[in-house]
């Protein structure tokens, strides 16, 4: 894991995601998930490119199953967008960076 995306847990979820101002991208992932490993560098790049405009966090679904089940995460990677504490959009699966960027641009817009 790179250093741009912040690791969150059940214990920090409230503060890091629900109380965060603006747009937050949450990467729901697991160590054993191949597509998660494929999308991880893209998530890191986005964290760097959108620094100051978008908060990027990663939540390991194996270590924090309560949060994953609360948001009905059925497949990973799931990239979920929160705006001022509310879930506003999501993408399931390893998607191209361009697709993610256009979604982010629309949500920041």
Protein backbone atom coordinates (compact mmCIF):
# COMPACT_ATOMS: atom_id res chain seq x y z
CA UNK A 1 0.00 0.00 0.00
CA UNK A 2 1.29 3.44 -0.91
CA UNK A 3 1.26 6.43 1.37
CA UNK A 4 -1.34 8.71 -0.24
CA UNK A 5 -4.42 6.65 0.65
CA UNK A 6 -5.21 6.54 4.36
CA UNK A 7 -5.89 3.18 6.01
CA UNK A 8 -9.18 3.26 7.93
CA UNK A 9 -10.74 0.75 10.34
CA UNK A 10 -14.08 0.29 12.08
CA UNK A 11 -12.64 2.41 14.89
CA UNK A 12 -11.69 5.36 12.67
CA UNK A 13 -14.55 5.08 10.13
CA UNK A 14 -16.78 7.68 11.80
CA UNK A 15 -14.02 10.31 12.02
CA UNK A 16 -12.22 9.58 8.73
CA UNK A 17 -15.24 9.06 6.46
CA UNK A 18 -18.58 10.06 7.95
CA UNK A 19 -17.35 13.29 9.58
CA UNK A 20 -15.04 14.25 6.71
CA UNK A 21 -15.95 17.35 4.74
CA UNK A 22 -16.24 17.11 0.98
CA UNK A 23 -15.72 14.03 -1.15
CA UNK A 24 -14.20 10.80 0.20
CA UNK A 25 -13.31 7.78 -1.94
CA UNK A 26 -13.31 4.53 0.03
CA UNK A 27 -11.52 1.52 -1.46
CA UNK A 28 -13.05 -1.63 0.06
CA UNK A 29 -10.41 -4.33 -0.51
CA UNK A 30 -8.77 -7.51 0.83
CA UNK A 31 -5.25 -8.93 0.67
CA UNK A 32 -6.29 -12.10 -1.22
CA UNK A 33 -8.28 -10.21 -3.90
CA UNK A 34 -6.47 -10.09 -7.27
CA UNK A 35 -8.58 -7.29 -8.80
CA UNK A 36 -8.05 -5.28 -5.59
CA UNK A 37 -4.27 -5.51 -6.12
CA UNK A 38 -4.77 -4.38 -9.73
CA UNK A 39 -6.80 -1.31 -8.79
CA UNK A 40 -4.61 -0.34 -5.78
CA UNK A 41 -1.97 1.59 -7.82
CA UNK A 42 -4.76 3.47 -9.64
CA UNK A 43 -6.32 4.43 -6.30
CA UNK A 44 -2.91 5.68 -5.11
CA UNK A 45 -2.41 7.74 -8.31
CA UNK A 46 -5.85 9.30 -7.89
CA UNK A 47 -5.06 10.11 -4.24
CA UNK A 48 -2.00 12.02 -5.45
CA UNK A 49 -3.66 13.74 -8.41
CA UNK A 50 -6.69 14.90 -6.41
CA UNK A 51 -4.84 15.85 -3.24
CA UNK A 52 -6.71 18.67 -1.51
CA UNK A 53 -9.91 17.99 -3.50
CA UNK A 54 -10.59 14.37 -2.57
CA UNK A 55 -9.79 12.28 0.50
CA UNK A 56 -8.85 8.70 -0.39
CA UNK A 57 -9.07 5.91 2.20
CA UNK A 58 -8.73 2.11 2.12
CA UNK A 59 -10.71 -0.31 4.26
CA UNK A 60 -9.69 -3.96 4.52
CA UNK A 61 -13.00 -5.88 4.45
CA UNK A 62 -11.51 -8.95 6.17
CA UNK A 63 -10.31 -6.89 9.13
CA UNK A 64 -13.46 -4.70 9.28
CA UNK A 65 -16.41 -6.90 8.26
CA UNK A 66 -18.89 -4.78 10.24
CA UNK A 67 -18.34 -1.72 8.03
CA UNK A 68 -18.39 -3.82 4.84
CA UNK A 69 -21.69 -5.46 5.80
CA UNK A 70 -23.25 -2.13 6.85
CA UNK A 71 -22.74 -0.85 3.29
CA UNK A 72 -23.70 -4.22 1.73
CA UNK A 73 -20.33 -4.74 0.07
CA UNK A 74 -20.88 -7.99 -1.87
CA UNK A 75 -17.93 -7.85 -4.27
CA UNK A 76 -14.50 -6.30 -3.99
CA UNK A 77 -12.91 -4.09 -4.96
CA UNK A 78 -15.80 -1.71 -4.34
CA UNK A 79 -14.93 1.97 -4.62
CA UNK A 80 -17.56 3.97 -2.77
CA UNK A 81 -17.91 7.74 -2.75
CA UNK A 82 -19.11 9.65 0.30
CA UNK A 83 -19.98 13.34 0.27
CA UNK A 84 -20.28 15.01 3.68
CA UNK A 85 -20.88 11.63 5.34
CA UNK A 86 -23.45 10.23 2.88
CA UNK A 87 -22.79 7.48 0.32
CA UNK A 88 -23.41 9.09 -3.09
CA UNK A 89 -22.02 6.63 -5.65
CA UNK A 90 -19.98 3.47 -6.09
CA UNK A 91 -18.06 1.40 -8.61
CA UNK A 92 -17.63 -2.37 -8.25
CA UNK A 93 -14.64 -4.14 -9.79
CA UNK A 94 -11.30 -3.05 -11.19
CA UNK A 95 -12.25 -0.20 -13.50
CA UNK A 96 -10.00 1.87 -15.77
CA UNK A 97 -8.49 5.02 -14.28
CA UNK A 98 -10.22 7.21 -16.89
CA UNK A 99 -13.62 5.90 -15.79
CA UNK A 100 -12.83 6.64 -12.14
CA UNK A 101 -11.55 10.12 -12.94
CA UNK A 102 -14.66 11.05 -14.92
CA UNK A 103 -16.86 9.90 -12.01
CA UNK A 104 -14.75 11.89 -9.52
CA UNK A 105 -14.79 14.98 -11.73
CA UNK A 106 -18.59 14.73 -11.92
CA UNK A 107 -18.91 14.41 -8.15
CA UNK A 108 -16.47 17.24 -7.39
CA UNK A 109 -17.93 19.34 -10.24
